[in-house]
Amino acid sequence: MKKWYVAYVISRHEKKTSERLSLMGIENFLPIQQEMRQWSHRKKKVDRVLLPMMIFIHADVWERAQALTLSSVCRYMVLRGEHEPAVIPDQQMERFKFMLDYSEETVEMCVAPLTPGEQVRVMKGPLAGLEGELVEVDGKAKVVVRLDLLGCAGVDMPVGFVEKVK
């Protein structure tokens, strides 16, 4: 049975590692977002890896071991006191991927502990259907999807776009 794992990779090798895993037939997910960067004389759209040095791998036990044969894959995330790699629940991964795919705003990862808020469902806009928590950070309303092992992914959201989940 396949499960989602977080693999640590060598710095700045995330994209190449994702390509190599795909060539091996191992399903993986590298969270990337396009953003506009401005230098002194020009602007350019660039792909930004959302979680540097990490890649999500959806694998069974055999594929998980095969991924470690790549020289750029260092190890899997393991929780303190555990010996087996940590597993990301499928539902959390689906919500996270949905947020990245359909958000027009830049998604930011925050590891600061956030107080759990109201459970909400986005009703309007490109993220319609996404469920998460409504929190306020620096006076802005954000919809947050928790990835329990990594923190939260949040995106700015007008409060009128969400409704409370019953």
C-alpha atoms as a PDB file:
ATOM      1  CA  MET A   1       0.000   0.000   0.000  1.00  0.00           C
ATOM      2  CA  LYS A   2       1.382   3.403  -0.975  1.00  0.00           C
ATOM      3  CA  LYS A   3       1.825   6.201   1.540  1.00  0.00           C
ATOM      4  CA  TRP A   4       3.156   9.773   1.383  1.00  0.00           C
ATOM      5  CA  TYR A   5       6.622  10.353   2.849  1.00  0.00           C
ATOM      6  CA  VAL A   6       8.866  13.400   3.058  1.00  0.00           C
ATOM      7  CA  ALA A   7      12.388  12.837   1.723  1.00  0.00           C
ATOM      8  CA  TYR A   8      15.267  15.205   2.399  1.00  0.00           C
ATOM      9  CA  VAL A   9      17.380  15.961  -0.655  1.00  0.00           C
ATOM     10  CA  ILE A  10      20.645  17.796  -1.271  1.00  0.00           C
ATOM     11  CA  SER A  11      20.250  21.567  -1.473  1.00  0.00           C
ATOM     12  CA  ARG A  12      19.188  22.814  -4.934  1.00  0.00           C
ATOM     13  CA  HIS A  13      18.683  19.255  -6.255  1.00  0.00           C
ATOM     14  CA  GLU A  14      14.907  19.135  -5.757  1.00  0.00           C
ATOM     15  CA  LYS A  15      13.832  19.434  -9.417  1.00  0.00           C
ATOM     16  CA  LYS A  16      16.428  16.990 -10.731  1.00  0.00           C
ATOM     17  CA  THR A  17      15.543  14.497  -7.987  1.00  0.00           C
ATOM     18  CA  SER A  18      11.848  14.770  -8.908  1.00  0.00           C
ATOM     19  CA  GLU A  19      12.690  14.066 -12.561  1.00  0.00           C
ATOM     20  CA  ARG A  20      14.838  11.054 -11.652  1.00  0.00           C
ATOM     21  CA  LEU A  21      12.176   9.608  -9.340  1.00  0.00           C
ATOM     22  CA  SER A  22       9.614   9.947 -12.136  1.00  0.00           C
ATOM     23  CA  LEU A  23      11.954   8.126 -14.536  1.00  0.00           C
ATOM     24  CA  MET A  24      12.191   5.327 -11.954  1.00  0.00           C
ATOM     25  CA  GLY A  25       8.374   5.132 -11.913  1.00  0.00           C
ATOM     26  CA  ILE A  26       8.100   6.475  -8.362  1.00  0.00           C
ATOM     27  CA  GLU A  27       5.271   8.958  -7.857  1.00  0.00           C
ATOM     28  CA  ASN A  28       6.461  12.182  -6.253  1.00  0.00           C
ATOM     29  CA  PHE A  29       5.326  15.728  -5.637  1.00  0.00           C
ATOM     30  CA  LEU A  30       7.562  18.781  -5.560  1.00  0.00           C
ATOM     31  CA  PRO A  31       5.638  21.891  -4.445  1.00  0.00           C
ATOM     32  CA  ILE A  32       6.652  24.674  -6.857  1.00  0.00           C
ATOM     33  CA  GLN A  33       5.060  28.078  -7.399  1.00  0.00           C
ATOM     34  CA  GLN A  34       5.745  30.718  -9.991  1.00  0.00           C
ATOM     35  CA  GLU A  35       6.469  34.167  -8.676  1.00  0.00           C
ATOM     36  CA  MET A  36       7.589  37.441 -10.155  1.00  0.00           C
ATOM     37  CA  ARG A  37      11.134  38.433  -9.174  1.00  0.00           C
ATOM     38  CA  GLN A  38      12.485  41.893  -9.756  1.00  0.00           C
ATOM     39  CA  TRP A  39      16.093  42.835 -10.096  1.00  0.00           C
ATOM     40  CA  SER A  40      17.320  46.393 -10.509  1.00  0.00           C
ATOM     41  CA  HIS A  41      16.749  46.446 -14.262  1.00  0.00           C
ATOM     42  CA  ARG A  42      14.268  43.651 -15.088  1.00  0.00           C
ATOM     43  CA  LYS A  43      11.418  41.441 -13.939  1.00  0.00           C
ATOM     44  CA  LYS A  44      11.108  37.720 -14.555  1.00  0.00           C
ATOM     45  CA  LYS A  45       8.754  34.876 -13.593  1.00  0.00           C
ATOM     46  CA  VAL A  46      10.690  32.175 -11.767  1.00  0.00           C
ATOM     47  CA  ASP A  47       9.752  28.807 -10.287  1.00  0.00           C
ATOM     48  CA  ARG A  48      10.245  28.741  -6.523  1.00  0.00           C
ATOM     49  CA  VAL A  49      10.500  25.498  -4.568  1.00  0.00           C
ATOM     50  CA  LEU A  50       8.108  25.956  -1.655  1.00  0.00           C
ATOM     51  CA  LEU A  51       9.900  23.567   0.709  1.00  0.00           C
ATOM     52  CA  PRO A  52      13.644  23.692   0.047  1.00  0.00           C
ATOM     53  CA  MET A  53      15.493  20.388   0.392  1.00  0.00           C
ATOM     54  CA  MET A  54      12.249  18.366   0.662  1.00  0.00           C
ATOM     55  CA  ILE A  55      10.225  16.290  -1.766  1.00  0.00           C
ATOM     56  CA  PHE A  56       7.076  14.254  -1.162  1.00  0.00           C
ATOM     57  CA  ILE A  57       7.206  10.620  -2.277  1.00  0.00           C
ATOM     58  CA  HIS A  58       4.110   8.407  -2.690  1.00  0.00           C
ATOM     59  CA  ALA A  59       5.504   4.917  -2.431  1.00  0.00           C
ATOM     60  CA  ASP A  60       5.198   1.430  -1.069  1.00  0.00           C
ATOM     61  CA  VAL A  61       7.993  -0.128   1.025  1.00  0.00           C
ATOM     62  CA  TRP A  62      10.001  -1.312  -2.010  1.00  0.00           C
ATOM     63  CA  GLU A  63       9.748   2.033  -3.868  1.00  0.00           C
ATOM     64  CA  ARG A  64      10.653   3.878  -0.668  1.00  0.00           C
ATOM     65  CA  ALA A  65      13.899   1.892  -0.504  1.00  0.00           C
ATOM     66  CA  GLN A  66      14.549   2.425  -4.243  1.00  0.00           C
ATOM     67  CA  ALA A  67      14.297   6.214  -3.832  1.00  0.00           C
ATOM     68  CA  LEU A  68      17.174   6.095  -1.342  1.00  0.00           C
ATOM     69  CA  THR A  69      19.448   4.679  -4.055  1.00  0.00           C
ATOM     70  CA  LEU A  70      19.580   8.150  -5.642  1.00  0.00           C
ATOM     71  CA  SER A  71      22.634  10.030  -4.441  1.00  0.00           C
ATOM     72  CA  SER A  72      20.609  13.240  -4.022  1.00  0.00           C
ATOM     73  CA  VAL A  73      18.121  11.650  -1.569  1.00  0.00           C
ATOM     74  CA  CYS A  74      19.632  11.813   1.915  1.00  0.00           C
ATOM     75  CA  ARG A  75      16.973  10.275   4.161  1.00  0.00           C
ATOM     76  CA  TYR A  76      13.291  10.331   5.116  1.00  0.00           C
ATOM     77  CA  MET A  77      11.723  12.531   7.754  1.00  0.00           C
ATOM     78  CA  VAL A  78      11.408  10.591  10.996  1.00  0.00           C
ATOM     79  CA  LEU A  79       9.548  11.838  14.059  1.00  0.00           C
ATOM     80  CA  ARG A  80      11.488  12.156  17.301  1.00  0.00           C
ATOM     81  CA  GLY A  81      11.478   8.837  19.147  1.00  0.00           C
ATOM     82  CA  GLU A  82      10.334   6.904  16.062  1.00  0.00           C
ATOM     83  CA  HIS A  83      12.309   4.595  13.788  1.00  0.00           C
ATOM     84  CA  GLU A  84      10.048   4.438  10.731  1.00  0.00           C
ATOM     85  CA  PRO A  85       9.659   7.328   8.255  1.00  0.00           C
ATOM     86  CA  ALA A  86       6.785   9.687   9.082  1.00  0.00           C
ATOM     87  CA  VAL A  87       3.641   9.328   6.963  1.00  0.00           C
ATOM     88  CA  ILE A  88       1.649  12.317   5.666  1.00  0.00           C
ATOM     89  CA  PRO A  89      -2.093  11.476   5.603  1.00  0.00           C
ATOM     90  CA  ASP A  90      -3.578  11.306   2.091  1.00  0.00           C
ATOM     91  CA  GLN A  91      -6.285  13.882   2.876  1.00  0.00           C
ATOM     92  CA  GLN A  92      -3.714  16.473   4.016  1.00  0.00           C
ATOM     93  CA  MET A  93      -1.674  15.928   0.847  1.00  0.00           C
ATOM     94  CA  GLU A  94      -4.744  16.303  -1.378  1.00  0.00           C
ATOM     95  CA  ARG A  95      -5.721  19.580   0.308  1.00  0.00           C
ATOM     96  CA  PHE A  96      -2.164  20.901   0.053  1.00  0.00           C
ATOM     97  CA  LYS A  97      -1.890  20.001  -3.656  1.00  0.00           C
ATOM     98  CA  PHE A  98      -5.297  21.552  -4.371  1.00  0.00           C
ATOM     99  CA  MET A  99      -4.254  24.799  -2.677  1.00  0.00           C
ATOM    100  CA  LEU A 100      -1.048  24.990  -4.709  1.00  0.00           C
ATOM    101  CA  ASP A 101      -2.736  24.153  -8.012  1.00  0.00           C
ATOM    102  CA  TYR A 102      -5.549  26.671  -7.806  1.00  0.00           C
ATOM    103  CA  SER A 103      -4.255  29.561  -5.713  1.00  0.00           C
ATOM    104  CA  GLU A 104      -3.648  32.798  -7.575  1.00  0.00           C
ATOM    105  CA  GLU A 105      -1.903  34.165  -4.489  1.00  0.00           C
ATOM    106  CA  THR A 106       1.529  33.031  -3.345  1.00  0.00           C
ATOM    107  CA  VAL A 107       1.296  30.197  -0.819  1.00  0.00           C
ATOM    108  CA  GLU A 108       3.586  30.617   2.155  1.00  0.00           C
ATOM    109  CA  MET A 109       4.758  27.949   4.562  1.00  0.00           C
ATOM    110  CA  CYS A 110       4.841  28.949   8.211  1.00  0.00           C
ATOM    111  CA  VAL A 111       6.250  26.799  10.977  1.00  0.00           C
ATOM    112  CA  ALA A 112       5.135  29.134  13.764  1.00  0.00           C
ATOM    113  CA  PRO A 113       2.421  27.486  15.810  1.00  0.00           C
ATOM    114  CA  LEU A 114      -0.975  28.871  14.831  1.00  0.00           C
ATOM    115  CA  THR A 115      -3.964  28.767  17.115  1.00  0.00           C
ATOM    116  CA  PRO A 116      -6.564  26.474  15.598  1.00  0.00           C
ATOM    117  CA  GLY A 117      -9.431  28.542  14.232  1.00  0.00           C
ATOM    118  CA  GLU A 118     -12.793  27.947  12.685  1.00  0.00           C
ATOM    119  CA  GLN A 119     -13.011  25.171  10.114  1.00  0.00           C
ATOM    120  CA  VAL A 120     -14.044  26.836   6.844  1.00  0.00           C
ATOM    121  CA  ARG A 121     -14.800  25.941   3.242  1.00  0.00           C
ATOM    122  CA  VAL A 122     -13.866  28.323   0.429  1.00  0.00           C
ATOM    123  CA  MET A 123     -17.013  29.191  -1.549  1.00  0.00           C
ATOM    124  CA  LYS A 124     -15.731  31.623  -4.210  1.00  0.00           C
ATOM    125  CA  GLY A 125     -12.675  32.054  -6.331  1.00  0.00           C
ATOM    126  CA  PRO A 126     -10.177  29.564  -7.716  1.00  0.00           C
ATOM    127  CA  LEU A 127      -9.868  27.716  -4.384  1.00  0.00           C
ATOM    128  CA  ALA A 128     -13.626  27.004  -4.134  1.00  0.00           C
ATOM    129  CA  GLY A 129     -14.130  23.685  -2.347  1.00  0.00           C
ATOM    130  CA  LEU A 130     -10.922  23.796  -0.316  1.00  0.00           C
ATOM    131  CA  GLU A 131     -11.434  23.130   3.384  1.00  0.00           C
ATOM    132  CA  GLY A 132      -9.075  24.439   6.017  1.00  0.00           C
ATOM    133  CA  GLU A 133      -8.830  26.754   8.997  1.00  0.00           C
ATOM    134  CA  LEU A 134      -9.452  30.474   8.984  1.00  0.00           C
ATOM    135  CA  VAL A 135      -6.737  32.312  10.882  1.00  0.00           C
ATOM    136  CA  GLU A 136      -5.569  35.881  11.151  1.00  0.00           C
ATOM    137  CA  VAL A 137      -1.879  36.623  10.652  1.00  0.00           C
ATOM    138  CA  ASP A 138      -0.633  40.216  10.804  1.00  0.00           C
ATOM    139  CA  GLY A 139      -4.214  41.462  10.489  1.00  0.00           C
ATOM    140  CA  LYS A 140      -4.900  39.505   7.267  1.00  0.00           C
ATOM    141  CA  ALA A 141      -7.380  36.651   6.925  1.00  0.00           C
ATOM    142  CA  LYS A 142      -5.722  33.479   5.681  1.00  0.00           C
ATOM    143  CA  VAL A 143      -7.012  30.025   4.885  1.00  0.00           C
ATOM    144  CA  VAL A 144      -4.540  27.515   6.260  1.00  0.00           C
ATOM    145  CA  VAL A 145      -4.024  23.852   5.405  1.00  0.00           C
ATOM    146  CA  ARG A 146      -2.132  22.030   8.114  1.00  0.00           C
ATOM    147  CA  LEU A 147       0.548  19.503   7.248  1.00  0.00           C
ATOM    148  CA  ASP A 148       0.989  18.236  10.781  1.00  0.00           C
ATOM    149  CA  LEU A 149       4.653  17.296  10.339  1.00  0.00           C
ATOM    150  CA  LEU A 150       5.758  20.414   8.428  1.00  0.00           C
ATOM    151  CA  GLY A 151       3.614  23.262   9.727  1.00  0.00           C
ATOM    152  CA  CYS A 152       0.979  25.115   7.715  1.00  0.00           C
ATOM    153  CA  ALA A 153       0.503  26.370   4.192  1.00  0.00           C
ATOM    154  CA  GLY A 154      -1.486  29.579   4.086  1.00  0.00           C
ATOM    155  CA  VAL A 155      -2.950  31.842   1.438  1.00  0.00           C
ATOM    156  CA  ASP A 156      -4.590  35.277   1.789  1.00  0.00           C
ATOM    157  CA  MET A 157      -8.346  35.019   1.445  1.00  0.00           C
ATOM    158  CA  PRO A 158     -11.148  37.584   1.655  1.00  0.00           C
ATOM    159  CA  VAL A 159     -13.351  36.575   4.597  1.00  0.00           C
ATOM    160  CA  GLY A 160     -16.416  36.839   2.336  1.00  0.00           C
ATOM    161  CA  PHE A 161     -15.083  33.962   0.238  1.00  0.00           C
ATOM    162  CA  VAL A 162     -15.441  31.403   3.044  1.00  0.00           C
ATOM    163  CA  GLU A 163     -18.214  29.811   5.056  1.00  0.00           C
ATOM    164  CA  LYS A 164     -18.068  27.927   8.327  1.00  0.00           C
ATOM    165  CA  VAL A 165     -18.079  24.132   8.003  1.00  0.00           C
ATOM    166  CA  LYS A 166     -20.894  22.631  10.054  1.00  0.00           C
END
